[in-house]
Amino acid sequence: MAALAVKRMELSRLEQEVMEQILRGEFEGVEIARKQCECATVSERKYTGAGFFTSLVVPTSVEKLPNSLPLRQAFFDRASASVTTDPDEVIVFHLWENEEGYISTIEGVITSGKERWPNESEIKVNVW
């Protein structure tokens, strides 16, 4: 029986900007993380109303992430965005890795508690 072909999706503009913001600067493990991001494809997107989860696939031929505290901190607290149509709304982003040492998920959530995810054109990733 032939294997089913799974269509992989490309990163959106927002996903790309978020990963670039999270991985800016120089710290242990960032080059490996950048390489993984370059090779990553999207396997699934889930919208929750107040946020999203983008599942990523990184080829196992790419080097695994090191166990680095600065890298973990960057994944968790280095990217946010504002919503151009509502200046009081703030979005935070996190980059997650799996147990095997590969980037696995981009998460975005509105911190105001509103249940309306803005259109991508309304989101401006903050540059720190």
Protein backbone atom coordinates (compact mmCIF):
# COMPACT_ATOMS: atom_id res chain seq x y z
CA MET A 1 0.00 0.00 0.00
CA ALA A 2 1.38 3.44 -0.94
CA ALA A 3 1.91 6.06 1.76
CA LEU A 4 -0.41 9.04 1.68
CA ALA A 5 1.22 12.32 0.77
CA VAL A 6 0.78 14.97 3.44
CA LYS A 7 0.74 18.54 2.17
CA ARG A 8 2.86 20.82 4.34
CA MET A 9 2.03 24.51 4.55
CA GLU A 10 4.42 27.44 4.55
CA LEU A 11 4.74 29.83 7.47
CA SER A 12 2.50 32.90 7.33
CA ARG A 13 3.96 36.40 7.43
CA LEU A 14 2.99 36.69 11.09
CA GLU A 15 4.51 33.34 12.05
CA GLN A 16 7.74 34.27 10.26
CA GLU A 17 7.94 37.68 11.97
CA VAL A 18 7.27 36.13 15.39
CA MET A 19 10.05 33.57 14.99
CA GLU A 20 12.48 36.23 13.76
CA GLN A 21 11.67 38.40 16.79
CA ILE A 22 12.06 35.52 19.24
CA LEU A 23 15.40 34.48 17.75
CA ARG A 24 17.00 37.90 17.40
CA GLY A 25 20.31 38.48 19.16
CA GLU A 26 23.12 36.11 19.99
CA PHE A 27 22.92 33.50 22.74
CA GLU A 28 23.65 29.80 23.18
CA GLY A 29 21.65 27.65 20.79
CA VAL A 30 20.16 30.45 18.70
CA GLU A 31 21.93 29.42 15.48
CA ILE A 32 20.54 25.89 15.72
CA ALA A 33 17.07 27.28 16.46
CA ARG A 34 17.32 29.59 13.43
CA LYS A 35 18.29 26.65 11.23
CA GLN A 36 15.32 24.67 12.52
CA CYS A 37 13.02 27.62 11.76
CA GLU A 38 14.39 27.88 8.23
CA CYS A 39 13.58 24.20 7.64
CA ALA A 40 10.25 24.11 9.48
CA THR A 41 6.95 23.59 7.71
CA VAL A 42 3.46 23.94 9.11
CA SER A 43 1.52 20.73 9.67
CA GLU A 44 -1.55 22.24 11.32
CA ARG A 45 -3.11 25.51 12.49
CA LYS A 46 -5.71 25.67 15.26
CA TYR A 47 -7.57 28.85 16.18
CA THR A 48 -9.06 29.13 19.66
CA GLY A 49 -10.93 32.42 19.30
CA ALA A 50 -8.48 34.32 21.51
CA GLY A 51 -5.37 32.82 19.94
CA PHE A 52 -3.80 30.13 17.82
CA PHE A 53 -1.46 27.16 17.80
CA THR A 54 0.67 26.45 14.75
CA SER A 55 2.19 22.96 14.73
CA LEU A 56 5.57 22.71 13.03
CA VAL A 57 7.60 19.88 11.55
CA VAL A 58 11.39 20.10 11.46
CA PRO A 59 13.38 17.45 9.57
CA THR A 60 15.33 15.18 11.92
CA SER A 61 18.40 15.76 9.74
CA VAL A 62 18.68 19.21 11.37
CA GLU A 63 20.70 19.40 14.58
CA LYS A 64 18.73 19.15 17.83
CA LEU A 65 18.40 22.14 20.17
CA PRO A 66 20.83 22.29 23.09
CA ASN A 67 19.66 22.43 26.70
CA SER A 68 20.15 26.19 27.05
CA LEU A 69 18.39 28.44 29.57
CA PRO A 70 18.79 31.61 27.42
CA LEU A 71 17.20 29.75 24.51
CA ARG A 72 14.24 28.62 26.66
CA GLN A 73 13.77 32.18 27.96
CA ALA A 74 13.78 33.55 24.41
CA PHE A 75 11.17 30.99 23.35
CA PHE A 76 8.88 32.10 26.13
CA ASP A 77 9.18 35.86 26.55
CA ARG A 78 10.69 37.65 23.58
CA ALA A 79 7.81 38.38 21.23
CA SER A 80 4.64 40.41 21.50
CA ALA A 81 2.43 42.37 19.14
CA SER A 82 -0.09 45.15 19.14
CA VAL A 83 -3.39 45.28 17.29
CA THR A 84 -3.65 48.35 15.06
CA THR A 85 -7.45 48.53 15.35
CA ASP A 86 -7.43 48.35 19.18
CA PRO A 87 -4.32 49.78 20.90
CA ASP A 88 -5.32 48.24 24.27
CA GLU A 89 -5.02 44.70 22.93
CA VAL A 90 -1.68 42.97 23.33
CA ILE A 91 -0.74 39.60 21.89
CA VAL A 92 2.04 37.46 23.33
CA PHE A 93 3.76 34.65 21.49
CA HIS A 94 5.65 31.57 22.63
CA LEU A 95 7.76 29.09 20.72
CA TRP A 96 7.64 25.53 22.07
CA GLU A 97 9.90 22.55 21.49
CA ASN A 98 9.21 18.84 21.75
CA GLU A 99 11.02 16.25 23.86
CA GLU A 100 13.18 15.28 20.88
CA GLY A 101 14.79 18.74 20.75
CA TYR A 102 12.95 20.29 17.81
CA ILE A 103 10.82 23.40 17.55
CA SER A 104 7.23 22.15 17.50
CA THR A 105 4.67 24.92 18.08
CA ILE A 106 4.11 28.66 17.79
CA GLU A 107 1.46 29.91 20.21
CA GLY A 108 -0.20 33.32 20.14
CA VAL A 109 -2.80 34.62 22.60
CA ILE A 110 -4.56 37.92 23.26
CA THR A 111 -3.90 38.99 26.86
CA SER A 112 -7.01 41.17 27.20
CA GLY A 113 -9.30 38.15 27.50
CA LYS A 114 -11.26 39.07 24.37
CA GLU A 115 -12.42 36.16 22.27
CA ARG A 116 -11.78 37.78 18.90
CA TRP A 117 -8.55 37.04 17.09
CA PRO A 118 -7.73 39.98 14.79
CA ASN A 119 -7.02 39.68 11.08
CA GLU A 120 -3.33 39.17 10.37
CA SER A 121 -3.21 42.58 8.66
CA GLU A 122 -4.20 44.22 11.99
CA ILE A 123 -1.29 42.68 13.93
CA LYS A 124 2.03 44.50 14.25
CA VAL A 125 4.85 42.50 15.84
CA ASN A 126 6.73 44.70 18.32
CA VAL A 127 10.46 45.15 17.82
CA TRP A 128 12.40 45.45 21.06
